[in-house]
Amino acid sequence: MRGLTGGEHHQRGQGRELARGAQHVAGHAAEAARGVLAVGLGAAVVAALSWHTARRFGGMTGDVLGAASELATLAALVVLAAR
């Protein structure tokens, strides 16, 4: 079996590092997608609550605004906590 020269060994090491880097980027992309989903779900919950309160009460009160904030936070946390 032939030994690796310095250049060949270096090239193989670069390939491994490139593969690790690609896995790292893919992992961050998946986390970013979960973040986008969390914000989108929170916005959808607020939109649904706004529609309901506009139909039911004729608008949004301060209490409803507080509830919307809490529900959006809860929806985002549920998405981010899911594995």
C-alpha atoms as a PDB file:
ATOM      1  CA  MET A   1       0.000   0.000   0.000  1.00  0.00           C
ATOM      2  CA  ARG A   2       1.291   3.355  -0.994  1.00  0.00           C
ATOM      3  CA  GLY A   3       1.526   6.117   1.615  1.00  0.00           C
ATOM      4  CA  LEU A   4      -0.043   9.500   1.169  1.00  0.00           C
ATOM      5  CA  THR A   5       2.136  12.393   0.218  1.00  0.00           C
ATOM      6  CA  GLY A   6       1.691  15.619   2.092  1.00  0.00           C
ATOM      7  CA  GLY A   7      -0.502  17.147  -0.614  1.00  0.00           C
ATOM      8  CA  GLU A   8      -2.782  14.109  -0.936  1.00  0.00           C
ATOM      9  CA  HIS A   9      -3.272  13.925   2.821  1.00  0.00           C
ATOM     10  CA  HIS A  10      -4.090  17.641   2.921  1.00  0.00           C
ATOM     11  CA  GLN A  11      -6.681  17.266   0.141  1.00  0.00           C
ATOM     12  CA  ARG A  12      -8.464  14.443   1.953  1.00  0.00           C
ATOM     13  CA  GLY A  13      -8.531  16.524   5.121  1.00  0.00           C
ATOM     14  CA  GLN A  14     -10.065  19.429   3.219  1.00  0.00           C
ATOM     15  CA  GLY A  15     -12.784  17.133   1.871  1.00  0.00           C
ATOM     16  CA  ARG A  16     -13.713  16.034   5.377  1.00  0.00           C
ATOM     17  CA  GLU A  17     -13.752  19.622   6.602  1.00  0.00           C
ATOM     18  CA  LEU A  18     -15.951  20.630   3.682  1.00  0.00           C
ATOM     19  CA  ALA A  19     -18.396  17.823   4.491  1.00  0.00           C
ATOM     20  CA  ARG A  20     -18.508  18.871   8.149  1.00  0.00           C
ATOM     21  CA  GLY A  21     -19.087  22.474   7.105  1.00  0.00           C
ATOM     22  CA  ALA A  22     -21.951  21.450   4.822  1.00  0.00           C
ATOM     23  CA  GLN A  23     -23.568  19.489   7.667  1.00  0.00           C
ATOM     24  CA  HIS A  24     -23.166  22.491   9.950  1.00  0.00           C
ATOM     25  CA  VAL A  25     -24.825  24.820   7.437  1.00  0.00           C
ATOM     26  CA  ALA A  26     -27.653  22.329   6.849  1.00  0.00           C
ATOM     27  CA  GLY A  27     -28.267  22.158  10.593  1.00  0.00           C
ATOM     28  CA  HIS A  28     -28.510  25.938  10.818  1.00  0.00           C
ATOM     29  CA  ALA A  29     -30.839  26.027   7.810  1.00  0.00           C
ATOM     30  CA  ALA A  30     -33.177  23.584   9.554  1.00  0.00           C
ATOM     31  CA  GLU A  31     -33.154  25.730  12.696  1.00  0.00           C
ATOM     32  CA  ALA A  32     -33.838  28.844  10.629  1.00  0.00           C
ATOM     33  CA  ALA A  33     -36.789  27.110   8.967  1.00  0.00           C
ATOM     34  CA  ARG A  34     -38.210  26.280  12.397  1.00  0.00           C
ATOM     35  CA  GLY A  35     -37.824  29.933  13.375  1.00  0.00           C
ATOM     36  CA  VAL A  36     -39.683  31.089  10.289  1.00  0.00           C
ATOM     37  CA  LEU A  37     -42.426  28.536  10.994  1.00  0.00           C
ATOM     38  CA  ALA A  38     -42.673  29.711  14.614  1.00  0.00           C
ATOM     39  CA  VAL A  39     -43.084  33.360  13.617  1.00  0.00           C
ATOM     40  CA  GLY A  40     -45.564  32.449  10.879  1.00  0.00           C
ATOM     41  CA  LEU A  41     -47.682  30.392  13.254  1.00  0.00           C
ATOM     42  CA  GLY A  42     -47.642  33.187  15.834  1.00  0.00           C
ATOM     43  CA  ALA A  43     -48.770  35.668  13.178  1.00  0.00           C
ATOM     44  CA  ALA A  44     -51.546  33.312  12.046  1.00  0.00           C
ATOM     45  CA  VAL A  45     -52.804  32.962  15.626  1.00  0.00           C
ATOM     46  CA  VAL A  46     -52.863  36.753  16.055  1.00  0.00           C
ATOM     47  CA  ALA A  47     -54.657  37.190  12.704  1.00  0.00           C
ATOM     48  CA  ALA A  48     -57.285  34.601  13.677  1.00  0.00           C
ATOM     49  CA  LEU A  49     -57.819  36.212  17.067  1.00  0.00           C
ATOM     50  CA  SER A  50     -58.066  39.663  15.473  1.00  0.00           C
ATOM     51  CA  TRP A  51     -60.668  38.423  12.999  1.00  0.00           C
ATOM     52  CA  HIS A  52     -62.667  36.768  15.779  1.00  0.00           C
ATOM     53  CA  THR A  53     -62.629  39.807  18.074  1.00  0.00           C
ATOM     54  CA  ALA A  54     -63.483  42.195  15.231  1.00  0.00           C
ATOM     55  CA  ARG A  55     -66.503  40.047  14.418  1.00  0.00           C
ATOM     56  CA  ARG A  56     -67.488  39.450  18.020  1.00  0.00           C
ATOM     57  CA  PHE A  57     -66.684  42.768  19.760  1.00  0.00           C
ATOM     58  CA  GLY A  58     -66.339  45.144  16.835  1.00  0.00           C
ATOM     59  CA  GLY A  59     -62.614  45.660  17.408  1.00  0.00           C
ATOM     60  CA  MET A  60     -59.641  44.897  19.569  1.00  0.00           C
ATOM     61  CA  THR A  61     -59.356  45.980  23.199  1.00  0.00           C
ATOM     62  CA  GLY A  62     -56.236  46.166  25.314  1.00  0.00           C
ATOM     63  CA  ASP A  63     -57.068  42.847  26.946  1.00  0.00           C
ATOM     64  CA  VAL A  64     -57.367  41.198  23.542  1.00  0.00           C
ATOM     65  CA  LEU A  65     -54.052  42.712  22.490  1.00  0.00           C
ATOM     66  CA  GLY A  66     -52.413  41.240  25.601  1.00  0.00           C
ATOM     67  CA  ALA A  67     -53.991  37.858  24.913  1.00  0.00           C
ATOM     68  CA  ALA A  68     -52.768  38.029  21.289  1.00  0.00           C
ATOM     69  CA  SER A  69     -49.232  38.670  22.499  1.00  0.00           C
ATOM     70  CA  GLU A  70     -49.342  35.734  24.905  1.00  0.00           C
ATOM     71  CA  LEU A  71     -50.855  33.364  22.331  1.00  0.00           C
ATOM     72  CA  ALA A  72     -48.284  34.319  19.692  1.00  0.00           C
ATOM     73  CA  THR A  73     -45.479  33.706  22.171  1.00  0.00           C
ATOM     74  CA  LEU A  74     -46.969  30.366  23.185  1.00  0.00           C
ATOM     75  CA  ALA A  75     -47.377  29.242  19.560  1.00  0.00           C
ATOM     76  CA  ALA A  76     -43.766  30.166  18.763  1.00  0.00           C
ATOM     77  CA  LEU A  77     -42.426  28.393  21.838  1.00  0.00           C
ATOM     78  CA  VAL A  78     -44.386  25.222  21.070  1.00  0.00           C
ATOM     79  CA  VAL A  79     -42.913  25.120  17.553  1.00  0.00           C
ATOM     80  CA  LEU A  80     -39.380  25.786  18.785  1.00  0.00           C
ATOM     81  CA  ALA A  81     -39.654  23.211  21.598  1.00  0.00           C
ATOM     82  CA  ALA A  82     -40.866  20.442  19.283  1.00  0.00           C
ATOM     83  CA  ARG A  83     -38.211  17.994  18.146  1.00  0.00           C
END
